[in-house]
Amino acid sequence: MKKKMTLSTDRKSASEGEYIEIRWACDACPDSLYLAIDSERTQYSIAVSDSGTTRIPVPKSNGKMTVKLIGIISGKKVIESVDVRVKSVKQARTKATISSRMKTFSEKMKAKWYVFRANMKYWWLSQKKWQKALWIALLALWFGLLFSSIGRKPEVKVSSDQVQTAYLMR
């Protein structure tokens, strides 16, 4: 029995922003089946079940989008791919309102913050015990130096010559 993987789309050409339907099936890919989308500007992949369908939006592209089904069959990587021609949609640029631009900016910053937090959490979990202790000690030292310098007034040393000069200039 030959193990087989199939992949197809409902059409071979679509415009940016439209949806295409993707169908796939794999006879023997229990836990290792991925759907990869590559539009030259956007690349992403998702884990999928042995068979199914999904609808995806056609992203902005330089003319072509490739949909790949990647699976492991008997220890070997097997790839099926389908190319979809992407037609560019020219849209009139309208000036966004300040509130919509601020909302977009806010959403981008939230996304960047979540990515930063996830990266820091991963980094912290990957540190050994002695490295964590060293980082905590360095952070405590930095805070100690910071707080000790906050309440101080700068010392101004004035020589007697400067005092005499200032007194004479009055």
C-alpha atoms as a PDB file:
ATOM      1  CA  MET A   1       0.000   0.000   0.000  1.00  0.00           C
ATOM      2  CA  LYS A   2       1.506   3.316  -1.093  1.00  0.00           C
ATOM      3  CA  LYS A   3       1.169   6.110   1.436  1.00  0.00           C
ATOM      4  CA  LYS A   4      -0.100   9.273  -0.166  1.00  0.00           C
ATOM      5  CA  MET A   5      -0.494  12.957   0.533  1.00  0.00           C
ATOM      6  CA  THR A   6      -2.765  15.257  -1.491  1.00  0.00           C
ATOM      7  CA  LEU A   7      -3.188  19.022  -1.569  1.00  0.00           C
ATOM      8  CA  SER A   8      -5.456  21.197  -3.707  1.00  0.00           C
ATOM      9  CA  THR A   9      -7.024  24.657  -3.831  1.00  0.00           C
ATOM     10  CA  ASP A  10     -10.380  25.740  -5.197  1.00  0.00           C
ATOM     11  CA  ARG A  11      -8.683  28.017  -7.761  1.00  0.00           C
ATOM     12  CA  LYS A  12      -5.273  28.765  -9.220  1.00  0.00           C
ATOM     13  CA  SER A  13      -5.685  32.554  -9.310  1.00  0.00           C
ATOM     14  CA  ALA A  14      -7.027  35.056  -6.774  1.00  0.00           C
ATOM     15  CA  SER A  15      -6.837  38.738  -5.912  1.00  0.00           C
ATOM     16  CA  GLU A  16      -5.264  40.123  -2.750  1.00  0.00           C
ATOM     17  CA  GLY A  17      -7.762  40.030   0.123  1.00  0.00           C
ATOM     18  CA  GLU A  18      -9.944  37.296  -1.378  1.00  0.00           C
ATOM     19  CA  TYR A  19     -10.246  33.898   0.283  1.00  0.00           C
ATOM     20  CA  ILE A  20      -9.161  30.591  -1.191  1.00  0.00           C
ATOM     21  CA  GLU A  21     -10.160  27.165   0.037  1.00  0.00           C
ATOM     22  CA  ILE A  22      -7.426  24.609   0.641  1.00  0.00           C
ATOM     23  CA  ARG A  23      -8.112  20.864   0.852  1.00  0.00           C
ATOM     24  CA  TRP A  24      -5.622  18.227   2.001  1.00  0.00           C
ATOM     25  CA  ALA A  25      -5.406  14.588   3.018  1.00  0.00           C
ATOM     26  CA  CYS A  26      -2.635  12.300   4.233  1.00  0.00           C
ATOM     27  CA  ASP A  27      -2.915   8.550   4.789  1.00  0.00           C
ATOM     28  CA  ALA A  28      -0.164   8.175   7.423  1.00  0.00           C
ATOM     29  CA  CYS A  29       0.786  11.494   9.013  1.00  0.00           C
ATOM     30  CA  PRO A  30      -0.441  11.153  12.602  1.00  0.00           C
ATOM     31  CA  ASP A  31       1.267  14.046  14.392  1.00  0.00           C
ATOM     32  CA  SER A  32       3.458  15.705  11.840  1.00  0.00           C
ATOM     33  CA  LEU A  33       1.414  17.513   9.242  1.00  0.00           C
ATOM     34  CA  TYR A  34       1.795  21.231   8.567  1.00  0.00           C
ATOM     35  CA  LEU A  35       0.307  23.663   6.108  1.00  0.00           C
ATOM     36  CA  ALA A  36       2.820  26.355   5.073  1.00  0.00           C
ATOM     37  CA  ILE A  37       1.834  29.576   3.281  1.00  0.00           C
ATOM     38  CA  ASP A  38       4.519  31.597   1.491  1.00  0.00           C
ATOM     39  CA  SER A  39       3.598  34.757  -0.416  1.00  0.00           C
ATOM     40  CA  GLU A  40       7.146  36.209  -0.633  1.00  0.00           C
ATOM     41  CA  ARG A  41       6.056  38.968   1.777  1.00  0.00           C
ATOM     42  CA  THR A  42       4.350  36.757   4.371  1.00  0.00           C
ATOM     43  CA  GLN A  43       5.315  33.280   5.546  1.00  0.00           C
ATOM     44  CA  TYR A  44       3.578  31.205   8.182  1.00  0.00           C
ATOM     45  CA  SER A  45       2.674  27.610   8.951  1.00  0.00           C
ATOM     46  CA  ILE A  46      -0.008  25.863  10.965  1.00  0.00           C
ATOM     47  CA  ALA A  47      -0.313  22.325  12.274  1.00  0.00           C
ATOM     48  CA  VAL A  48      -3.275  20.506  10.715  1.00  0.00           C
ATOM     49  CA  SER A  49      -5.067  17.174  11.116  1.00  0.00           C
ATOM     50  CA  ASP A  50      -4.746  14.241   8.685  1.00  0.00           C
ATOM     51  CA  SER A  51      -7.386  15.667   6.366  1.00  0.00           C
ATOM     52  CA  GLY A  52      -9.547  18.716   6.112  1.00  0.00           C
ATOM     53  CA  THR A  53     -10.265  22.038   4.489  1.00  0.00           C
ATOM     54  CA  THR A  54      -9.676  25.627   5.463  1.00  0.00           C
ATOM     55  CA  ARG A  55     -10.182  29.064   3.993  1.00  0.00           C
ATOM     56  CA  ILE A  56      -7.320  31.544   4.087  1.00  0.00           C
ATOM     57  CA  PRO A  57      -7.127  35.146   2.935  1.00  0.00           C
ATOM     58  CA  VAL A  58      -4.783  35.829   0.037  1.00  0.00           C
ATOM     59  CA  PRO A  59      -2.054  38.102   1.427  1.00  0.00           C
ATOM     60  CA  LYS A  60      -0.236  40.867  -0.414  1.00  0.00           C
ATOM     61  CA  SER A  61       2.280  39.307  -2.728  1.00  0.00           C
ATOM     62  CA  ASN A  62       4.629  39.950  -5.597  1.00  0.00           C
ATOM     63  CA  GLY A  63       2.451  37.853  -7.902  1.00  0.00           C
ATOM     64  CA  LYS A  64       2.639  34.335  -6.465  1.00  0.00           C
ATOM     65  CA  MET A  65       1.653  32.467  -3.318  1.00  0.00           C
ATOM     66  CA  THR A  66       2.785  28.909  -2.570  1.00  0.00           C
ATOM     67  CA  VAL A  67       0.778  26.595  -0.343  1.00  0.00           C
ATOM     68  CA  LYS A  68       2.717  23.564   0.941  1.00  0.00           C
ATOM     69  CA  LEU A  69       1.601  20.494   2.836  1.00  0.00           C
ATOM     70  CA  ILE A  70       4.567  19.153   4.799  1.00  0.00           C
ATOM     71  CA  GLY A  71       4.409  15.749   6.453  1.00  0.00           C
ATOM     72  CA  ILE A  72       6.630  12.978   7.791  1.00  0.00           C
ATOM     73  CA  ILE A  73       5.879   9.580   6.259  1.00  0.00           C
ATOM     74  CA  SER A  74       8.002   6.619   7.385  1.00  0.00           C
ATOM     75  CA  GLY A  75      10.637   8.981   8.760  1.00  0.00           C
ATOM     76  CA  LYS A  76      10.967  10.969   5.528  1.00  0.00           C
ATOM     77  CA  LYS A  77       9.859  14.528   4.923  1.00  0.00           C
ATOM     78  CA  VAL A  78       7.271  14.690   2.136  1.00  0.00           C
ATOM     79  CA  ILE A  79       6.099  17.966   0.597  1.00  0.00           C
ATOM     80  CA  GLU A  80       3.157  18.645  -1.698  1.00  0.00           C
ATOM     81  CA  SER A  81       2.781  22.172  -3.018  1.00  0.00           C
ATOM     82  CA  VAL A  82       0.342  24.253  -5.036  1.00  0.00           C
ATOM     83  CA  ASP A  83       1.038  27.681  -6.550  1.00  0.00           C
ATOM     84  CA  VAL A  84      -1.634  30.353  -6.670  1.00  0.00           C
ATOM     85  CA  ARG A  85      -1.228  33.417  -8.876  1.00  0.00           C
ATOM     86  CA  VAL A  86      -1.999  36.581  -6.916  1.00  0.00           C
ATOM     87  CA  LYS A  87      -3.453  39.631  -8.638  1.00  0.00           C
ATOM     88  CA  SER A  88      -2.614  42.951  -7.062  1.00  0.00           C
ATOM     89  CA  VAL A  89      -5.472  45.176  -6.017  1.00  0.00           C
ATOM     90  CA  LYS A  90      -4.699  48.868  -6.278  1.00  0.00           C
ATOM     91  CA  GLN A  91      -6.507  50.730  -3.554  1.00  0.00           C
ATOM     92  CA  ALA A  92      -6.873  54.455  -3.222  1.00  0.00           C
ATOM     93  CA  ARG A  93      -5.003  55.527  -0.140  1.00  0.00           C
ATOM     94  CA  THR A  94      -7.208  57.420   2.183  1.00  0.00           C
ATOM     95  CA  LYS A  95      -5.760  59.361   5.031  1.00  0.00           C
ATOM     96  CA  ALA A  96      -6.521  57.549   8.250  1.00  0.00           C
ATOM     97  CA  THR A  97      -7.934  59.517  11.127  1.00  0.00           C
ATOM     98  CA  ILE A  98      -5.719  60.199  14.104  1.00  0.00           C
ATOM     99  CA  SER A  99      -7.823  57.915  16.329  1.00  0.00           C
ATOM    100  CA  SER A 100      -7.515  54.974  13.911  1.00  0.00           C
ATOM    101  CA  ARG A 101      -3.749  55.558  13.613  1.00  0.00           C
ATOM    102  CA  MET A 102      -3.419  55.679  17.404  1.00  0.00           C
ATOM    103  CA  LYS A 103      -5.468  52.488  17.722  1.00  0.00           C
ATOM    104  CA  THR A 104      -3.245  50.769  15.149  1.00  0.00           C
ATOM    105  CA  PHE A 105      -0.143  51.999  16.955  1.00  0.00           C
ATOM    106  CA  SER A 106      -1.547  50.776  20.278  1.00  0.00           C
ATOM    107  CA  GLU A 107      -2.273  47.320  18.847  1.00  0.00           C
ATOM    108  CA  LYS A 108       1.232  47.083  17.373  1.00  0.00           C
ATOM    109  CA  MET A 109       2.814  48.060  20.678  1.00  0.00           C
ATOM    110  CA  LYS A 110       0.685  45.503  22.554  1.00  0.00           C
ATOM    111  CA  ALA A 111       1.762  42.788  20.125  1.00  0.00           C
ATOM    112  CA  LYS A 112       5.425  43.796  20.472  1.00  0.00           C
ATOM    113  CA  TRP A 113       5.096  43.811  24.271  1.00  0.00           C
ATOM    114  CA  TYR A 114       3.616  40.289  24.288  1.00  0.00           C
ATOM    115  CA  VAL A 115       6.414  39.045  22.019  1.00  0.00           C
ATOM    116  CA  PHE A 116       9.023  40.726  24.236  1.00  0.00           C
ATOM    117  CA  ARG A 117       7.503  39.173  27.376  1.00  0.00           C
ATOM    118  CA  ALA A 118       7.415  35.728  25.753  1.00  0.00           C
ATOM    119  CA  ASN A 119      11.039  36.058  24.641  1.00  0.00           C
ATOM    120  CA  MET A 120      12.133  37.187  28.113  1.00  0.00           C
ATOM    121  CA  LYS A 121      10.201  34.350  29.764  1.00  0.00           C
ATOM    122  CA  TYR A 122      11.838  31.836  27.414  1.00  0.00           C
ATOM    123  CA  TRP A 123      15.263  33.401  28.031  1.00  0.00           C
ATOM    124  CA  TRP A 124      14.797  33.307  31.824  1.00  0.00           C
ATOM    125  CA  LEU A 125      13.664  29.677  31.774  1.00  0.00           C
ATOM    126  CA  SER A 126      16.702  28.728  29.679  1.00  0.00           C
ATOM    127  CA  GLN A 127      19.149  30.173  32.257  1.00  0.00           C
ATOM    128  CA  LYS A 128      20.956  27.912  34.722  1.00  0.00           C
ATOM    129  CA  LYS A 129      20.564  28.455  38.491  1.00  0.00           C
ATOM    130  CA  TRP A 130      23.918  30.198  38.895  1.00  0.00           C
ATOM    131  CA  GLN A 131      23.180  32.479  35.920  1.00  0.00           C
ATOM    132  CA  LYS A 132      19.833  33.464  37.431  1.00  0.00           C
ATOM    133  CA  ALA A 133      21.544  34.235  40.764  1.00  0.00           C
ATOM    134  CA  LEU A 134      24.153  36.343  38.972  1.00  0.00           C
ATOM    135  CA  TRP A 135      21.496  38.303  37.060  1.00  0.00           C
ATOM    136  CA  ILE A 136      19.529  38.955  40.261  1.00  0.00           C
ATOM    137  CA  ALA A 137      22.688  40.153  42.046  1.00  0.00           C
ATOM    138  CA  LEU A 138      23.589  42.483  39.154  1.00  0.00           C
ATOM    139  CA  LEU A 139      20.061  43.879  39.063  1.00  0.00           C
ATOM    140  CA  ALA A 140      20.094  44.468  42.847  1.00  0.00           C
ATOM    141  CA  LEU A 141      23.464  46.237  42.540  1.00  0.00           C
ATOM    142  CA  TRP A 142      22.146  48.452  39.719  1.00  0.00           C
ATOM    143  CA  PHE A 143      19.022  49.387  41.707  1.00  0.00           C
ATOM    144  CA  GLY A 144      21.139  50.086  44.779  1.00  0.00           C
ATOM    145  CA  LEU A 145      23.359  52.462  42.817  1.00  0.00           C
ATOM    146  CA  LEU A 146      20.343  54.108  41.214  1.00  0.00           C
ATOM    147  CA  PHE A 147      18.509  54.732  44.483  1.00  0.00           C
ATOM    148  CA  SER A 148      21.633  55.889  46.300  1.00  0.00           C
ATOM    149  CA  SER A 149      22.211  58.572  43.675  1.00  0.00           C
ATOM    150  CA  ILE A 150      18.617  59.856  43.572  1.00  0.00           C
ATOM    151  CA  GLY A 151      18.509  61.674  46.913  1.00  0.00           C
ATOM    152  CA  ARG A 152      21.954  63.263  46.748  1.00  0.00           C
ATOM    153  CA  LYS A 153      22.508  66.902  46.039  1.00  0.00           C
ATOM    154  CA  PRO A 154      25.456  67.669  43.828  1.00  0.00           C
ATOM    155  CA  GLU A 155      28.479  68.891  45.713  1.00  0.00           C
ATOM    156  CA  VAL A 156      29.768  72.212  44.519  1.00  0.00           C
ATOM    157  CA  LYS A 157      33.253  73.026  45.640  1.00  0.00           C
ATOM    158  CA  VAL A 158      34.166  76.664  45.452  1.00  0.00           C
ATOM    159  CA  SER A 159      37.705  77.846  46.006  1.00  0.00           C
ATOM    160  CA  SER A 160      38.508  81.003  47.968  1.00  0.00           C
ATOM    161  CA  ASP A 161      39.735  82.671  44.752  1.00  0.00           C
ATOM    162  CA  GLN A 162      36.311  82.206  43.146  1.00  0.00           C
ATOM    163  CA  VAL A 163      34.578  83.660  46.213  1.00  0.00           C
ATOM    164  CA  GLN A 164      36.846  86.713  46.188  1.00  0.00           C
ATOM    165  CA  THR A 165      36.314  87.214  42.441  1.00  0.00           C
ATOM    166  CA  ALA A 166      32.534  86.989  42.832  1.00  0.00           C
ATOM    167  CA  TYR A 167      32.628  89.460  45.737  1.00  0.00           C
ATOM    168  CA  LEU A 168      34.717  91.959  43.765  1.00  0.00           C
ATOM    169  CA  MET A 169      32.429  91.798  40.728  1.00  0.00           C
ATOM    170  CA  ARG A 170      29.395  92.878  42.714  1.00  0.00           C
END
